[in-house]
Protein backbone atom coordinates (compact mmCIF):
# COMPACT_ATOMS: atom_id res chain seq x y z
CA MET A 1 77.09 86.49 85.39
CA LYS A 2 78.44 86.42 88.71
CA LYS A 3 78.75 90.16 89.56
CA ARG A 4 75.41 90.57 88.56
CA PHE A 5 73.74 88.07 90.25
CA LYS A 6 75.34 88.77 93.52
CA ALA A 7 74.24 92.48 92.95
CA LEU A 8 70.71 91.70 92.27
CA ALA A 9 70.90 89.65 95.16
CA ALA A 10 71.88 92.28 97.20
CA ILE A 11 68.81 94.51 96.49
CA ILE A 12 66.92 91.94 97.35
CA LEU A 13 68.34 91.56 100.53
CA ALA A 14 68.41 94.89 101.45
CA VAL A 15 64.33 95.34 100.97
CA LEU A 16 64.12 92.46 102.92
CA MET A 17 66.01 93.34 105.88
CA GLY A 18 64.00 96.62 105.81
CA ALA A 19 61.31 94.38 106.86
CA ILE A 20 64.16 92.40 109.55
CA LEU A 21 64.91 95.49 111.11
CA VAL A 22 61.50 96.93 111.67
CA ALA A 23 60.73 93.40 113.00
CA CYS A 24 64.00 93.48 115.43
CA GLY A 25 63.13 97.12 116.63
CA GLY A 26 67.23 97.98 116.10
CA GLY A 27 69.71 96.23 118.41
CA SER A 28 70.92 93.26 117.55
CA SER A 29 72.31 91.74 121.06
CA LYS A 30 71.23 88.45 121.78
CA PRO A 31 67.74 87.60 123.48
CA ALA A 32 67.19 87.08 127.00
CA GLY A 33 67.28 83.34 127.81
CA SER A 34 69.59 82.06 124.77
CA GLY A 35 71.64 79.60 125.13
CA ALA A 36 71.85 76.38 127.61
CA ALA A 37 69.97 76.37 130.48
CA PRO A 38 72.14 74.77 134.13
CA ALA A 39 72.33 71.61 134.49
CA GLY A 40 69.58 69.03 135.49
CA GLU A 41 66.97 72.43 134.66
CA LYS A 42 66.44 72.09 130.85
CA SER A 43 63.50 69.68 130.30
CA GLU A 44 63.54 69.32 126.23
CA ILE A 45 64.65 70.95 123.26
CA VAL A 46 62.82 73.60 121.78
CA ILE A 47 62.68 74.27 117.63
CA GLY A 48 61.35 76.56 116.34
CA TRP A 49 59.63 76.37 112.60
CA VAL A 50 58.18 79.64 111.08
CA ALA A 51 56.48 78.71 107.56
CA PRO A 52 53.67 79.71 105.37
CA PHE A 53 50.89 78.19 106.82
CA THR A 54 48.40 79.74 105.22
CA GLY A 55 48.28 81.89 101.92
CA PRO A 56 50.18 80.97 98.19
CA TYR A 57 52.55 78.89 100.01
CA ALA A 58 50.60 77.08 102.27
CA VAL A 59 50.13 74.08 99.86
CA PHE A 60 53.99 73.26 101.18
CA THR A 61 52.67 72.63 104.60
CA GLN A 62 49.91 70.85 103.93
CA ALA A 63 50.82 67.77 105.06
CA PHE A 64 53.48 69.18 108.05
CA ASP A 65 51.14 67.86 110.76
CA TRP A 66 51.57 64.34 110.03
CA THR A 67 55.51 64.59 108.66
CA SER A 68 56.48 66.02 111.84
CA LYS A 69 54.35 64.20 114.06
CA LEU A 70 55.35 60.80 112.28
CA CYS A 71 59.36 61.67 112.82
CA LEU A 72 58.61 63.27 116.57
CA ASP A 73 57.35 60.05 117.42
CA LYS A 74 60.52 58.44 116.42
CA ILE A 75 62.50 60.64 117.66
CA ASN A 76 61.39 60.63 120.93
CA GLU A 77 60.08 56.70 121.43
CA ASP A 78 62.91 56.64 123.84
CA GLY A 79 62.54 59.50 125.84
CA GLY A 80 64.62 62.10 123.06
CA ILE A 81 68.02 62.91 122.42
CA TYR A 82 70.86 62.41 125.27
CA ILE A 83 72.61 65.32 125.71
CA GLU A 84 76.14 65.48 127.77
CA ALA A 85 75.63 68.45 129.67
CA TYR A 86 72.40 67.74 131.19
CA GLY A 87 73.45 64.12 131.56
CA LYS A 88 69.98 62.74 130.73
CA LYS A 89 67.90 62.39 127.25
CA LEU A 90 65.63 65.30 126.16
CA PRO A 91 62.59 65.30 124.24
CA VAL A 92 62.08 67.32 121.01
CA ARG A 93 59.49 69.46 120.75
CA ILE A 94 57.85 71.77 117.99
CA ILE A 95 56.69 75.46 118.07
CA THR A 96 54.97 76.53 115.00
CA MET A 97 54.52 79.96 113.55
CA ASP A 98 52.67 81.27 110.39
CA THR A 99 54.54 83.66 107.58
CA GLU A 100 51.53 83.95 105.64
CA SER A 101 53.26 83.32 103.03
CA ASP A 102 54.31 87.38 103.44
CA PRO A 103 58.30 87.66 103.84
CA THR A 104 58.00 90.74 106.02
CA LYS A 105 55.65 88.67 108.58
CA ALA A 106 58.36 85.94 108.07
CA ALA A 107 60.95 87.88 109.88
CA GLU A 108 58.04 89.46 112.15
CA ALA A 109 57.68 85.38 113.64
CA ALA A 110 61.12 84.27 113.47
CA THR A 111 62.23 87.14 115.76
CA LYS A 112 59.58 86.72 118.39
CA MET A 113 60.36 83.45 118.29
CA VAL A 114 64.14 84.20 118.90
CA THR A 115 63.76 87.22 121.23
CA ASP A 116 60.94 84.95 123.43
CA GLY A 117 63.94 83.18 124.52
CA GLU A 118 62.62 79.53 124.09
CA ILE A 119 64.14 78.15 121.55
CA ASP A 120 67.20 76.16 121.21
CA LEU A 121 67.39 76.03 117.22
CA LEU A 122 65.35 77.98 114.21
CA VAL A 123 64.06 76.57 110.69
CA GLY A 124 62.48 79.07 107.92
CA ALA A 125 60.91 76.49 105.40
CA TRP A 126 59.92 76.59 101.82
CA THR A 127 60.19 79.25 99.12
CA PRO A 128 62.67 82.06 99.45
CA ASP A 129 60.29 84.29 100.85
CA THR A 130 60.65 82.51 104.30
CA THR A 131 63.85 81.31 104.00
CA ILE A 132 66.12 84.49 103.37
CA PRO A 133 64.08 86.87 105.81
CA VAL A 134 64.41 83.94 108.82
CA ALA A 135 67.62 83.36 107.97
CA GLY A 136 68.63 87.53 108.62
CA VAL A 137 66.99 87.09 111.48
CA ALA A 138 69.11 84.22 112.48
CA GLU A 139 72.64 85.76 111.61
CA ARG A 140 71.27 89.09 113.37
CA PHE A 141 70.80 87.12 116.47
CA GLN A 142 73.23 84.20 116.31
CA MET A 143 70.37 81.90 116.13
CA PRO A 144 71.08 78.42 115.01
CA CYS A 145 69.23 78.21 111.94
CA LEU A 146 68.04 75.17 109.17
CA CYS A 147 66.16 76.45 105.69
CA PRO A 148 65.20 74.14 103.98
CA ASN A 149 63.70 74.54 100.17
CA SER A 150 64.55 77.27 97.73
CA PRO A 151 67.07 78.23 95.11
CA ALA A 152 70.33 77.88 96.76
CA ASP A 153 71.57 80.59 94.83
CA SER A 154 69.41 83.09 95.82
CA TRP A 155 69.68 82.28 99.61
CA ALA A 156 73.47 82.10 99.67
CA SER A 157 74.15 85.25 98.16
CA SER A 158 71.62 86.97 100.10
CA ALA A 159 73.83 86.97 102.73
CA GLU A 160 77.12 85.82 104.25
CA HIS A 161 75.91 83.09 106.24
CA GLU A 162 77.41 81.64 109.56
CA TRP A 163 74.98 80.83 111.86
CA SER A 164 72.15 79.18 109.09
CA TRP A 165 72.81 76.65 106.82
CA GLY A 166 70.36 75.33 103.82
CA MET A 167 69.14 72.18 102.46
CA MET A 168 68.13 73.39 98.83
CA PHE A 169 68.16 73.38 95.23
CA LYS A 170 70.28 74.65 92.64
CA ILE A 171 69.24 76.81 89.57
CA ALA A 172 71.44 75.38 87.33
CA ASP A 173 70.74 71.91 88.55
CA TYR A 174 66.85 72.88 87.77
CA ILE A 175 67.61 74.32 84.42
CA ASN A 176 69.27 71.70 83.50
CA GLY A 177 66.53 69.36 83.58
CA ASP A 178 64.28 71.42 82.07
CA MET A 179 66.82 72.06 78.96
CA LEU A 180 67.27 68.68 78.56
CA THR A 181 63.40 68.02 78.34
CA LEU A 182 63.00 70.28 75.52
CA ASP A 183 65.86 68.89 73.60
CA LYS A 184 63.94 65.78 73.32
CA ILE A 185 60.83 67.55 71.83
CA GLU A 186 60.67 68.11 67.91
CA GLY A 187 57.67 70.20 66.14
CA THR A 188 57.80 73.40 67.82
CA ASN A 189 59.29 76.89 66.78
CA LYS A 190 61.56 77.08 69.28
CA LYS A 191 60.07 80.56 70.81
CA VAL A 192 59.57 80.67 73.86
CA GLY A 193 57.62 83.21 75.96
CA PHE A 194 58.27 84.12 79.38
CA MET A 195 55.78 84.20 82.84
CA PHE A 196 58.25 85.68 85.69
CA ASP A 197 56.66 87.53 88.52
CA SER A 198 59.36 90.27 90.54
CA ALA A 199 59.54 87.35 93.57
CA VAL A 200 63.17 86.50 94.26
CA ASP A 201 63.51 83.22 92.19
CA GLY A 202 61.19 85.12 89.25
CA VAL A 203 63.96 87.62 88.88
CA LEU A 204 66.83 85.28 89.09
CA MET A 205 65.55 82.62 86.76
CA SER A 206 64.34 84.48 84.34
CA GLN A 207 68.00 85.52 83.88
CA MET A 208 69.10 82.49 84.29
CA VAL A 209 67.09 80.48 81.53
CA GLY A 210 67.00 83.15 78.88
CA GLU A 211 70.70 82.54 78.66
CA GLU A 212 70.39 79.38 78.29
CA LEU A 213 67.69 79.42 76.07
CA THR A 214 69.63 81.54 73.61
CA LYS A 215 73.05 79.41 74.12
CA ARG A 216 70.84 76.84 72.64
CA GLY A 217 68.81 78.50 70.01
CA TYR A 218 66.11 79.03 71.29
CA GLU A 219 64.33 82.20 70.64
CA VAL A 220 63.18 84.28 73.96
CA PHE A 221 60.56 86.87 74.61
CA ASP A 222 59.95 87.90 77.69
CA PRO A 223 57.66 90.52 78.56
CA GLY A 224 59.03 91.96 81.42
CA ARG A 225 59.13 90.53 85.21
CA TYR A 226 55.21 91.71 86.45
CA PRO A 227 54.06 92.05 89.99
CA GLU A 228 53.64 88.99 92.64
CA ASP A 229 50.32 89.51 93.44
CA THR A 230 49.00 90.30 89.65
CA THR A 231 45.33 89.25 89.45
CA ASP A 232 44.82 89.76 85.55
CA TYR A 233 47.47 88.35 83.35
CA THR A 234 45.42 89.12 80.19
CA SER A 235 48.04 91.78 78.92
CA VAL A 236 51.04 89.37 79.58
CA VAL A 237 48.98 86.55 77.44
CA LYS A 238 48.34 88.56 74.75
CA GLN A 239 52.09 89.40 74.14
CA ILE A 240 53.27 85.70 74.25
CA GLN A 241 50.77 84.75 72.06
CA ALA A 242 51.33 87.31 69.20
CA ALA A 243 55.04 86.68 69.55
CA ASP A 244 53.75 83.33 68.50
CA CYS A 245 55.60 81.54 70.57
CA ASP A 246 55.07 77.58 70.68
CA ILE A 247 56.67 77.11 74.27
CA VAL A 248 55.90 78.77 77.77
CA TYR A 249 58.26 79.09 80.14
CA GLY A 250 57.15 80.27 83.75
CA ASN A 251 57.40 80.21 87.72
CA MET A 252 54.64 81.22 90.05
CA ALA A 253 52.73 80.65 93.22
CA LEU A 254 49.91 78.44 92.38
CA PRO A 255 46.73 81.23 92.82
CA GLN A 256 48.66 83.01 90.35
CA PHE A 257 49.05 80.21 88.09
CA GLN A 258 45.43 79.10 88.43
CA THR A 259 44.35 82.58 87.58
CA ALA A 260 46.88 82.94 84.54
CA TRP A 261 46.51 79.19 82.79
CA GLY A 262 42.38 80.18 83.03
CA GLN A 263 42.86 83.15 81.09
CA PHE A 264 45.10 80.99 78.71
CA TYR A 265 41.69 79.29 77.77
CA GLU A 266 39.68 82.06 77.52
CA LEU A 267 42.13 83.86 75.16
CA GLY A 268 42.08 80.60 73.24
CA TYR A 269 45.95 79.79 73.29
CA LYS A 270 47.18 76.86 74.44
CA PRO A 271 51.06 76.51 74.15
CA LYS A 272 52.06 73.20 72.54
CA VAL A 273 54.69 72.70 75.70
CA LEU A 274 54.27 74.34 78.98
CA ILE A 275 57.14 74.08 81.79
CA VAL A 276 55.92 75.97 84.71
CA GLY A 277 58.35 75.88 88.18
CA LYS A 278 56.83 76.27 91.99
CA ALA A 279 52.99 76.15 91.34
CA LEU A 280 52.52 72.70 90.62
CA CYS A 281 54.07 70.65 93.20
CA PHE A 282 50.82 68.24 93.70
CA GLY A 283 48.33 66.23 92.36
CA THR A 284 46.09 68.50 93.58
CA ASP A 285 47.26 71.38 92.22
CA VAL A 286 46.74 70.24 88.99
CA GLU A 287 43.39 69.11 89.49
CA SER A 288 42.56 72.80 90.22
CA LEU A 289 43.06 73.68 86.85
CA GLY A 290 39.99 71.91 86.10
CA GLU A 291 39.04 69.42 83.91
CA GLY A 292 42.12 67.70 81.45
CA ARG A 293 43.84 71.56 81.62
CA GLY A 294 46.63 69.84 83.83
CA GLU A 295 47.45 67.50 80.67
CA ASN A 296 51.10 67.37 79.68
CA ILE A 297 52.48 70.07 82.02
CA ILE A 298 56.12 70.27 82.92
CA VAL A 299 57.14 71.02 86.40
CA GLU A 300 60.00 70.67 88.82
CA HIS A 301 60.02 68.01 90.97
CA ASN A 302 61.68 67.98 94.07
CA TRP A 303 60.92 64.30 95.71
CA ASP A 304 58.83 61.46 95.18
CA ALA A 305 58.64 57.80 96.02
CA SER A 306 59.95 56.96 92.28
CA TYR A 307 63.41 58.37 93.56
CA GLY A 308 64.12 55.40 95.89
CA PHE A 309 65.96 56.76 98.72
CA ASN A 310 65.33 55.18 102.41
CA SER A 311 65.00 57.00 105.69
CA PRO A 312 67.47 56.37 108.42
CA LEU A 313 64.88 58.33 110.82
CA LEU A 314 61.80 56.70 110.39
CA GLY A 315 63.55 53.05 109.16
CA MET A 316 60.72 53.40 105.75
CA SER A 317 61.57 53.31 101.64
CA SER A 318 60.66 56.12 100.15
CA GLN A 319 57.78 53.86 98.64
CA GLU A 320 56.05 53.12 102.18
CA ILE A 321 56.29 56.21 103.66
CA ALA A 322 54.04 57.63 100.36
CA GLU A 323 51.53 54.69 100.77
CA LYS A 324 51.44 54.73 104.58
CA PHE A 325 50.42 58.71 103.86
CA GLU A 326 47.76 57.12 101.42
CA ASP A 327 46.38 54.63 102.80
CA GLU A 328 45.40 56.77 106.54
CA PHE A 329 44.35 59.75 104.27
CA GLY A 330 43.10 58.06 101.22
CA THR A 331 44.50 61.25 98.96
CA GLN A 332 47.31 61.28 96.85
CA ASN A 333 50.92 61.78 98.77
CA PRO A 334 52.15 65.35 98.50
CA GLY A 335 55.77 63.91 97.32
CA THR A 336 57.64 66.78 97.28
CA GLU A 337 56.80 68.19 100.83
CA LEU A 338 57.21 64.68 102.58
CA GLY A 339 60.89 64.31 101.04
CA TYR A 340 61.93 67.85 102.27
CA ASP A 341 60.05 67.65 105.82
CA ILE A 342 61.20 63.99 106.38
CA ALA A 343 64.45 65.42 105.41
CA ALA A 344 64.28 68.08 107.44
CA PHE A 345 64.13 66.03 110.65
CA GLU A 346 66.63 63.90 109.63
CA ILE A 347 68.67 66.53 109.83
CA LEU A 348 68.23 67.73 112.97
CA GLN A 349 68.28 64.29 114.73
CA LEU A 350 71.59 63.71 113.58
CA ALA A 351 72.94 67.48 114.33
CA LEU A 352 71.75 67.53 117.86
CA GLN A 353 72.53 63.85 118.47
CA GLY A 354 76.13 65.42 117.90
CA CYS A 355 75.75 68.31 120.17
CA LYS A 356 77.44 67.93 123.74
CA ASP A 357 75.36 71.19 125.10
CA LEU A 358 72.75 73.11 123.46
CA GLU A 359 74.74 76.71 123.49
CA PRO A 360 74.16 78.20 120.16
CA GLU A 361 77.49 77.38 119.09
CA THR A 362 77.35 73.72 119.37
CA VAL A 363 74.29 73.29 117.75
CA ARG A 364 75.30 75.27 114.60
CA ASP A 365 78.60 73.33 114.26
CA ALA A 366 76.75 70.42 114.88
CA ILE A 367 74.18 70.99 111.73
CA GLY A 368 76.91 72.05 109.70
CA ALA A 369 78.99 68.96 110.74
CA VAL A 370 75.75 66.13 109.30
CA GLU A 371 76.81 63.80 106.41
CA TYR A 372 74.56 61.08 105.94
CA THR A 373 72.41 59.41 103.47
CA GLY A 374 68.50 59.51 103.56
CA ILE A 375 65.38 60.25 101.99
CA PHE A 376 67.08 62.36 99.76
CA GLY A 377 70.06 60.35 98.96
CA ASP A 378 73.68 61.76 99.69
CA VAL A 379 73.66 65.10 102.18
CA LYS A 380 76.72 66.68 103.04
CA PHE A 381 76.74 70.73 103.87
CA SER A 382 79.30 73.49 102.23
CA PRO A 383 81.20 74.56 104.41
CA GLU A 384 81.88 77.64 101.67
CA ASP A 385 78.03 78.75 101.23
CA HIS A 386 76.48 76.38 104.10
CA VAL A 387 74.22 74.69 101.69
CA ALA A 388 73.46 71.17 101.13
CA VAL A 389 72.69 70.44 97.15
CA PHE A 390 69.19 68.20 97.22
CA PRO A 391 68.30 66.90 93.94
CA ILE A 392 65.81 68.31 91.39
CA THR A 393 64.45 66.45 88.48
CA THR A 394 62.24 67.70 85.95
CA ALA A 395 58.72 65.95 85.75
CA GLN A 396 55.65 65.53 83.76
CA TRP A 397 52.03 65.46 84.97
CA ARG A 398 49.79 63.02 83.02
CA SER A 399 46.39 61.76 83.30
CA GLY A 400 46.76 58.34 86.04
CA GLY A 401 45.47 55.13 87.15
CA LYS A 402 45.12 55.25 90.79
CA TRP A 403 44.76 59.14 90.90
CA PRO A 404 43.39 61.91 88.56
CA TYR A 405 46.73 63.12 87.91
CA GLU A 406 50.12 61.13 88.45
CA VAL A 407 53.89 62.50 87.90
CA HIS A 408 56.45 61.15 85.76
CA VAL A 409 60.29 61.87 86.15
CA VAL A 410 61.11 63.11 82.60
CA SER A 411 64.78 64.02 82.99
CA HIS A 412 67.11 63.28 86.09
CA GLY A 413 68.99 66.29 85.05
CA ASN A 414 72.10 66.17 87.42
CA PHE A 415 71.11 63.08 89.07
CA THR A 416 71.50 60.32 87.20
CA ALA A 417 70.75 57.84 90.03
CA ILE A 418 67.51 59.12 90.50
CA PRO A 419 65.45 56.79 87.40
CA GLU A 420 63.58 58.82 84.59
CA GLU A 421 60.81 57.66 82.36
CA ASP A 422 59.89 58.29 78.76
CA PRO A 423 58.63 59.12 76.19
CA LEU A 424 57.25 62.94 77.04
CA THR A 425 54.19 63.40 75.49
CA PHE A 426 52.66 66.52 73.72
CA GLU A 427 50.28 67.21 71.06
CA ASP A 428 51.59 68.17 67.44
CA THR A 429 54.83 67.58 68.43
CA THR A 430 57.21 64.31 68.56
CA GLN A 431 59.78 63.36 70.68
CA LYS A 432 63.25 61.71 70.40
């Protein structure tokens, strides 16, 4: 399995590196202006933040302006972070660039950030379409880099990371939560239809999920990988329907899932159990499916107020952060994004506080040395794969009281400190 996994990751990386090489224009020297400025000349610490602010993955950055201001206000409230080499505190400033949810543009954005020579470190956030190409640029130009949220497996296997660090979940943890959830459900024929696209995580997850389901006695029907930008899923849905699958398991971006789920309804096919990754992290995503169409869907779940952790940076509990957002905007808090954004700023603050200067090697090593308890619980980077493993659980969307849909953790999987709720609810099934 490991050899196949690494071979697949190598193929994926080769495709992405082609985009990076084009963006970089060839050479591999450090950009002009990199490294620390002479003593007294440095006036701020600049972080380049590359993320999907538009496109199908823009759902993951919908609250970034709010979380970044909240965190930067705290970091800079007393003048910023003291750096010994300059003999003073330096405020932290963020520069953002949009990937448009495209890996090639992520590489181009990261390259421009680095070669402009203004930034002290790089962040590449949300899904392998950003984290892999941005880390590739960081490695090429020897720029310290933090990569929040994507499967650690695909990221760690995409390259030997020396300059980049990932704050990510493990696919095995994700799958385990889903399997424990399925084990609670009785009344299905145990036939599972796959809907995984050709994106990095779709390819890897389909293999790993298929193997685990087969071990547990499920029959898997896999129509194969389809292009990530598919707009007509009718053929795929019809194949799964013809295979008489009571369970459908997939991983899709929100716009693609909205289209596919609508076509399920058009064809009159509603599986007893639906599990989908990536598409439905937020209540507004579920609402967008149409009235009643989001009920009982099972999803991956990264963070919400019920996890019960506290942020040392903000001095607030998870519940307080969620309520603050909802009070200010009058809308449901985007739990997953709040958790990862705040955790990234917690790590960046602690890393920079550990720097005596802003030389790239100093900042790189300071990120890897971060170890603390924060908004995601205990965080520590592994020197082997440069990843800090973050919790991931399995949850179910149900009609709510305060909001149209509310999420409920139905399996904490491998993270037993996170509370889970029972029972699951599905039509025409029973739950253990």
